[in-house]
Amino acid sequence: MINHFQNDADKMVQNKPRIESYTKPYLRSVPSAMGVESKVEAMDIGHMYYAHSTSGERYYLQMLLTCVKGATSYEHLRIVDGTEHDTFKDACIGMGLLTDDNQWHQALEEADLWASGRQLHDMFASMMMFCEVTNPIQLWDAHWESLSDDIEAMTCQERDDLAVTFSEDALKDRAMYEID
């Protein structure tokens, strides 16, 4: 990785395009209409290992490496518009590489109109596990009330006591427990 940064620094000094340092010629077999293969010289761009979107900071680092030209360090990758971000994910958000979570907010708001508490819990858990939610804490803070609206009623029924009430923190904890 340090070699990558050094190569970029060297190319910036020489004012050469970044991609030039990562290409190399190779021969590629090309089938022809007659069934005879011929060799054609092509250019190959160096290999970058795959990082799945659920791999966290590694995924965001990969996004930045493919977008930021002339990076000379990890810190340089996290600088967007003169501000150094704490994480690669925050830098990706600052660059506009990640979409906002409006679609997830809207989905939970719509489901709140017709779904049961258990269905909302399952939906929220699925979003956290399988979707690319940019800011899960903000999503939770915006929807914890709808995700916990059946907790008191469910607890009253379990305990056969209609006087059960929860503090806000206890309600959040119980809702999170039910989702888990």
C-alpha atoms as a PDB file:
ATOM      1  CA  MET A   1       0.000   0.000   0.000  1.00  0.00           C
ATOM      2  CA  ILE A   2       2.851   2.352   0.810  1.00  0.00           C
ATOM      3  CA  ASN A   3       4.234   1.650  -2.692  1.00  0.00           C
ATOM      4  CA  HIS A   4       0.875   2.788  -4.116  1.00  0.00           C
ATOM      5  CA  PHE A   5       1.137   6.101  -2.277  1.00  0.00           C
ATOM      6  CA  GLN A   6       4.793   6.531  -3.269  1.00  0.00           C
ATOM      7  CA  ASN A   7       3.984   5.828  -6.936  1.00  0.00           C
ATOM      8  CA  ASP A   8       1.208   8.423  -6.833  1.00  0.00           C
ATOM      9  CA  ALA A   9       3.533  10.964  -5.200  1.00  0.00           C
ATOM     10  CA  ASP A  10       6.205  10.326  -7.847  1.00  0.00           C
ATOM     11  CA  LYS A  11       3.736  10.656 -10.700  1.00  0.00           C
ATOM     12  CA  MET A  12       2.330  13.898  -9.252  1.00  0.00           C
ATOM     13  CA  VAL A  13       5.852  15.357  -9.198  1.00  0.00           C
ATOM     14  CA  GLN A  14       6.392  14.295 -12.801  1.00  0.00           C
ATOM     15  CA  ASN A  15       2.891  15.501 -13.826  1.00  0.00           C
ATOM     16  CA  LYS A  16       2.128  12.171 -15.456  1.00  0.00           C
ATOM     17  CA  PRO A  17      -1.306  10.507 -15.433  1.00  0.00           C
ATOM     18  CA  ARG A  18      -1.890   8.229 -12.472  1.00  0.00           C
ATOM     19  CA  ILE A  19      -3.171   5.260 -14.463  1.00  0.00           C
ATOM     20  CA  GLU A  20       0.086   5.051 -16.437  1.00  0.00           C
ATOM     21  CA  SER A  21       1.953   3.601 -13.467  1.00  0.00           C
ATOM     22  CA  TYR A  22      -0.485   0.709 -13.135  1.00  0.00           C
ATOM     23  CA  THR A  23      -0.758  -0.470 -16.728  1.00  0.00           C
ATOM     24  CA  LYS A  24       1.348  -3.113 -18.366  1.00  0.00           C
ATOM     25  CA  PRO A  25       1.203  -4.654 -21.808  1.00  0.00           C
ATOM     26  CA  TYR A  26       0.091  -8.244 -22.294  1.00  0.00           C
ATOM     27  CA  LEU A  27      -0.970 -10.485 -25.176  1.00  0.00           C
ATOM     28  CA  ARG A  28      -4.625 -11.415 -25.399  1.00  0.00           C
ATOM     29  CA  SER A  29      -6.087 -14.193 -27.544  1.00  0.00           C
ATOM     30  CA  VAL A  30      -8.851 -13.001 -29.848  1.00  0.00           C
ATOM     31  CA  PRO A  31     -10.969 -15.523 -31.779  1.00  0.00           C
ATOM     32  CA  SER A  32     -11.616 -14.627 -35.391  1.00  0.00           C
ATOM     33  CA  ALA A  33     -14.530 -15.429 -37.676  1.00  0.00           C
ATOM     34  CA  MET A  34     -12.518 -18.229 -39.284  1.00  0.00           C
ATOM     35  CA  GLY A  35     -11.954 -19.931 -35.923  1.00  0.00           C
ATOM     36  CA  VAL A  36      -8.251 -19.023 -35.814  1.00  0.00           C
ATOM     37  CA  GLU A  37      -7.059 -17.243 -32.713  1.00  0.00           C
ATOM     38  CA  SER A  38      -4.688 -14.325 -33.053  1.00  0.00           C
ATOM     39  CA  LYS A  39      -2.636 -12.512 -30.430  1.00  0.00           C
ATOM     40  CA  VAL A  40      -3.381  -8.834 -29.815  1.00  0.00           C
ATOM     41  CA  GLU A  41      -1.381  -6.530 -27.569  1.00  0.00           C
ATOM     42  CA  ALA A  42      -3.557  -4.884 -24.906  1.00  0.00           C
ATOM     43  CA  MET A  43      -3.068  -2.940 -21.694  1.00  0.00           C
ATOM     44  CA  ASP A  44      -3.815  -4.381 -18.268  1.00  0.00           C
ATOM     45  CA  ILE A  45      -4.645  -2.332 -15.193  1.00  0.00           C
ATOM     46  CA  GLY A  46      -3.175  -3.674 -11.948  1.00  0.00           C
ATOM     47  CA  HIS A  47      -5.292  -5.926  -9.718  1.00  0.00           C
ATOM     48  CA  MET A  48      -7.216  -4.681  -6.695  1.00  0.00           C
ATOM     49  CA  TYR A  49      -8.718  -7.202  -4.288  1.00  0.00           C
ATOM     50  CA  TYR A  50     -12.498  -7.215  -3.930  1.00  0.00           C
ATOM     51  CA  ALA A  51     -14.036  -5.779  -0.787  1.00  0.00           C
ATOM     52  CA  HIS A  52     -17.732  -6.485  -0.151  1.00  0.00           C
ATOM     53  CA  SER A  53     -19.931  -3.615   0.992  1.00  0.00           C
ATOM     54  CA  THR A  54     -20.379  -5.340   4.363  1.00  0.00           C
ATOM     55  CA  SER A  55     -16.616  -5.373   5.030  1.00  0.00           C
ATOM     56  CA  GLY A  56     -16.782  -1.900   6.535  1.00  0.00           C
ATOM     57  CA  GLU A  57     -13.802   0.416   6.336  1.00  0.00           C
ATOM     58  CA  ARG A  58     -12.004  -1.875   3.862  1.00  0.00           C
ATOM     59  CA  TYR A  59     -14.860  -1.316   1.375  1.00  0.00           C
ATOM     60  CA  TYR A  60     -14.746   2.470   1.826  1.00  0.00           C
ATOM     61  CA  LEU A  61     -10.956   2.458   1.470  1.00  0.00           C
ATOM     62  CA  GLN A  62     -11.341   0.643  -1.848  1.00  0.00           C
ATOM     63  CA  MET A  63     -13.890   3.228  -3.004  1.00  0.00           C
ATOM     64  CA  LEU A  64     -11.506   6.051  -2.169  1.00  0.00           C
ATOM     65  CA  LEU A  65      -8.531   4.340  -3.832  1.00  0.00           C
ATOM     66  CA  THR A  66     -10.461   4.156  -7.094  1.00  0.00           C
ATOM     67  CA  CYS A  67     -11.621   7.786  -6.923  1.00  0.00           C
ATOM     68  CA  VAL A  68      -8.899   9.882  -5.271  1.00  0.00           C
ATOM     69  CA  LYS A  69      -6.033  10.737  -7.588  1.00  0.00           C
ATOM     70  CA  GLY A  70      -2.598  11.510  -6.241  1.00  0.00           C
ATOM     71  CA  ALA A  71      -3.143  10.141  -2.727  1.00  0.00           C
ATOM     72  CA  THR A  72       0.126  10.018  -0.805  1.00  0.00           C
ATOM     73  CA  SER A  73      -1.142   8.524   2.494  1.00  0.00           C
ATOM     74  CA  TYR A  74      -4.174   7.119   4.248  1.00  0.00           C
ATOM     75  CA  GLU A  75      -4.707  10.529   5.826  1.00  0.00           C
ATOM     76  CA  HIS A  76      -4.708  12.145   2.382  1.00  0.00           C
ATOM     77  CA  LEU A  77      -7.476   9.766   1.302  1.00  0.00           C
ATOM     78  CA  ARG A  78      -9.646  11.019   4.185  1.00  0.00           C
ATOM     79  CA  ILE A  79      -9.285  14.713   3.267  1.00  0.00           C
ATOM     80  CA  VAL A  80     -12.299  16.102   1.440  1.00  0.00           C
ATOM     81  CA  ASP A  81     -12.583  19.815   0.662  1.00  0.00           C
ATOM     82  CA  GLY A  82      -9.828  20.621   3.150  1.00  0.00           C
ATOM     83  CA  THR A  83     -11.420  18.669   6.021  1.00  0.00           C
ATOM     84  CA  GLU A  84      -9.829  15.463   7.298  1.00  0.00           C
ATOM     85  CA  HIS A  85     -12.548  12.963   8.189  1.00  0.00           C
ATOM     86  CA  ASP A  86     -12.181  10.408  10.989  1.00  0.00           C
ATOM     87  CA  THR A  87     -13.079   7.379   8.869  1.00  0.00           C
ATOM     88  CA  PHE A  88     -12.950   6.334   5.230  1.00  0.00           C
ATOM     89  CA  LYS A  89     -16.744   6.025   5.311  1.00  0.00           C
ATOM     90  CA  ASP A  90     -17.115   9.649   6.420  1.00  0.00           C
ATOM     91  CA  ALA A  91     -14.768  10.688   3.600  1.00  0.00           C
ATOM     92  CA  CYS A  92     -16.907   8.753   1.087  1.00  0.00           C
ATOM     93  CA  ILE A  93     -20.019  10.513   2.389  1.00  0.00           C
ATOM     94  CA  GLY A  94     -18.237  13.872   2.153  1.00  0.00           C
ATOM     95  CA  MET A  95     -17.280  13.145  -1.459  1.00  0.00           C
ATOM     96  CA  GLY A  96     -20.862  12.188  -2.304  1.00  0.00           C
ATOM     97  CA  LEU A  97     -19.919   8.595  -3.119  1.00  0.00           C
ATOM     98  CA  LEU A  98     -22.596   7.201  -0.816  1.00  0.00           C
ATOM     99  CA  THR A  99     -26.268   7.976  -1.164  1.00  0.00           C
ATOM    100  CA  ASP A 100     -28.295   9.234   1.734  1.00  0.00           C
ATOM    101  CA  ASP A 101     -30.641   6.965   3.673  1.00  0.00           C
ATOM    102  CA  ASN A 102     -33.890   8.563   2.474  1.00  0.00           C
ATOM    103  CA  GLN A 103     -35.034   5.330   0.848  1.00  0.00           C
ATOM    104  CA  TRP A 104     -34.647   3.435   4.145  1.00  0.00           C
ATOM    105  CA  HIS A 105     -36.416   6.178   6.123  1.00  0.00           C
ATOM    106  CA  GLN A 106     -39.259   6.190   3.618  1.00  0.00           C
ATOM    107  CA  ALA A 107     -39.554   2.403   3.656  1.00  0.00           C
ATOM    108  CA  LEU A 108     -39.853   2.337   7.458  1.00  0.00           C
ATOM    109  CA  GLU A 109     -42.383   5.191   7.444  1.00  0.00           C
ATOM    110  CA  GLU A 110     -44.557   3.394   4.893  1.00  0.00           C
ATOM    111  CA  ALA A 111     -44.289   0.057   6.684  1.00  0.00           C
ATOM    112  CA  ASP A 112     -45.249   1.725   9.964  1.00  0.00           C
ATOM    113  CA  LEU A 113     -48.707   2.350   8.462  1.00  0.00           C
ATOM    114  CA  TRP A 114     -49.510  -1.321   7.887  1.00  0.00           C
ATOM    115  CA  ALA A 115     -46.870  -3.611   9.408  1.00  0.00           C
ATOM    116  CA  SER A 116     -46.950  -5.270  12.806  1.00  0.00           C
ATOM    117  CA  GLY A 117     -44.216  -4.602  15.346  1.00  0.00           C
ATOM    118  CA  ARG A 118     -42.563  -7.949  14.580  1.00  0.00           C
ATOM    119  CA  GLN A 119     -42.580  -7.161  10.843  1.00  0.00           C
ATOM    120  CA  LEU A 120     -40.981  -3.770  11.494  1.00  0.00           C
ATOM    121  CA  HIS A 121     -38.311  -5.431  13.656  1.00  0.00           C
ATOM    122  CA  ASP A 122     -37.561  -7.936  10.896  1.00  0.00           C
ATOM    123  CA  MET A 123     -37.458  -5.192   8.268  1.00  0.00           C
ATOM    124  CA  PHE A 124     -35.050  -3.072  10.313  1.00  0.00           C
ATOM    125  CA  ALA A 125     -32.799  -6.080  10.994  1.00  0.00           C
ATOM    126  CA  SER A 126     -32.768  -6.955   7.271  1.00  0.00           C
ATOM    127  CA  MET A 127     -31.807  -3.389   6.400  1.00  0.00           C
ATOM    128  CA  MET A 128     -28.916  -3.511   8.843  1.00  0.00           C
ATOM    129  CA  MET A 129     -27.654  -6.876   7.592  1.00  0.00           C
ATOM    130  CA  PHE A 130     -28.226  -6.749   3.845  1.00  0.00           C
ATOM    131  CA  CYS A 131     -28.581  -3.122   2.742  1.00  0.00           C
ATOM    132  CA  GLU A 132     -26.068  -0.332   2.496  1.00  0.00           C
ATOM    133  CA  VAL A 133     -27.394   1.930   5.233  1.00  0.00           C
ATOM    134  CA  THR A 134     -25.071   4.913   5.428  1.00  0.00           C
ATOM    135  CA  ASN A 135     -25.903   6.001   8.974  1.00  0.00           C
ATOM    136  CA  PRO A 136     -27.580   3.236  11.021  1.00  0.00           C
ATOM    137  CA  ILE A 137     -27.608   5.249  14.258  1.00  0.00           C
ATOM    138  CA  GLN A 138     -29.481   8.104  12.596  1.00  0.00           C
ATOM    139  CA  LEU A 139     -31.966   5.598  11.110  1.00  0.00           C
ATOM    140  CA  TRP A 140     -32.522   4.065  14.558  1.00  0.00           C
ATOM    141  CA  ASP A 141     -32.930   7.471  16.240  1.00  0.00           C
ATOM    142  CA  ALA A 142     -35.524   8.516  13.672  1.00  0.00           C
ATOM    143  CA  HIS A 143     -37.614   5.331  13.921  1.00  0.00           C
ATOM    144  CA  TRP A 144     -37.104   3.798  17.349  1.00  0.00           C
ATOM    145  CA  GLU A 145     -40.584   4.890  18.474  1.00  0.00           C
ATOM    146  CA  SER A 146     -42.362   3.049  15.656  1.00  0.00           C
ATOM    147  CA  LEU A 147     -40.083   0.047  16.230  1.00  0.00           C
ATOM    148  CA  SER A 148     -41.072  -0.019  19.901  1.00  0.00           C
ATOM    149  CA  ASP A 149     -44.745   0.956  19.807  1.00  0.00           C
ATOM    150  CA  ASP A 150     -45.923  -2.598  20.581  1.00  0.00           C
ATOM    151  CA  ILE A 151     -43.409  -3.286  23.384  1.00  0.00           C
ATOM    152  CA  GLU A 152     -45.541  -2.018  26.281  1.00  0.00           C
ATOM    153  CA  ALA A 153     -48.665  -3.806  25.053  1.00  0.00           C
ATOM    154  CA  MET A 154     -46.728  -7.019  24.505  1.00  0.00           C
ATOM    155  CA  THR A 155     -45.194  -6.793  28.008  1.00  0.00           C
ATOM    156  CA  CYS A 156     -48.602  -6.093  29.608  1.00  0.00           C
ATOM    157  CA  GLN A 157     -49.989  -9.202  27.914  1.00  0.00           C
ATOM    158  CA  GLU A 158     -46.994 -11.349  28.925  1.00  0.00           C
ATOM    159  CA  ARG A 159     -47.181 -10.265  32.570  1.00  0.00           C
ATOM    160  CA  ASP A 160     -50.969 -10.003  32.705  1.00  0.00           C
ATOM    161  CA  ASP A 161     -50.526  -6.542  34.215  1.00  0.00           C
ATOM    162  CA  LEU A 162     -52.061  -3.490  32.511  1.00  0.00           C
ATOM    163  CA  ALA A 163     -50.001  -1.029  34.581  1.00  0.00           C
ATOM    164  CA  VAL A 164     -46.599  -1.816  33.008  1.00  0.00           C
ATOM    165  CA  THR A 165     -44.775   1.272  31.762  1.00  0.00           C
ATOM    166  CA  PHE A 166     -41.242   1.818  30.500  1.00  0.00           C
ATOM    167  CA  SER A 167     -38.886   4.767  30.607  1.00  0.00           C
ATOM    168  CA  GLU A 168     -37.663   5.953  27.204  1.00  0.00           C
ATOM    169  CA  ASP A 169     -34.266   4.289  27.662  1.00  0.00           C
ATOM    170  CA  ALA A 170     -35.819   1.018  28.819  1.00  0.00           C
ATOM    171  CA  LEU A 171     -38.184   1.087  25.831  1.00  0.00           C
ATOM    172  CA  LYS A 172     -35.266   1.611  23.425  1.00  0.00           C
ATOM    173  CA  ASP A 173     -33.308  -1.217  25.066  1.00  0.00           C
ATOM    174  CA  ARG A 174     -36.254  -3.612  24.884  1.00  0.00           C
ATOM    175  CA  ALA A 175     -36.958  -2.692  21.235  1.00  0.00           C
ATOM    176  CA  MET A 176     -33.315  -3.327  20.353  1.00  0.00           C
ATOM    177  CA  TYR A 177     -33.462  -6.626  22.224  1.00  0.00           C
ATOM    178  CA  GLU A 178     -36.555  -7.656  20.248  1.00  0.00           C
ATOM    179  CA  ILE A 179     -34.800  -6.790  16.966  1.00  0.00           C
ATOM    180  CA  ASP A 180     -31.716  -8.759  17.922  1.00  0.00           C
END
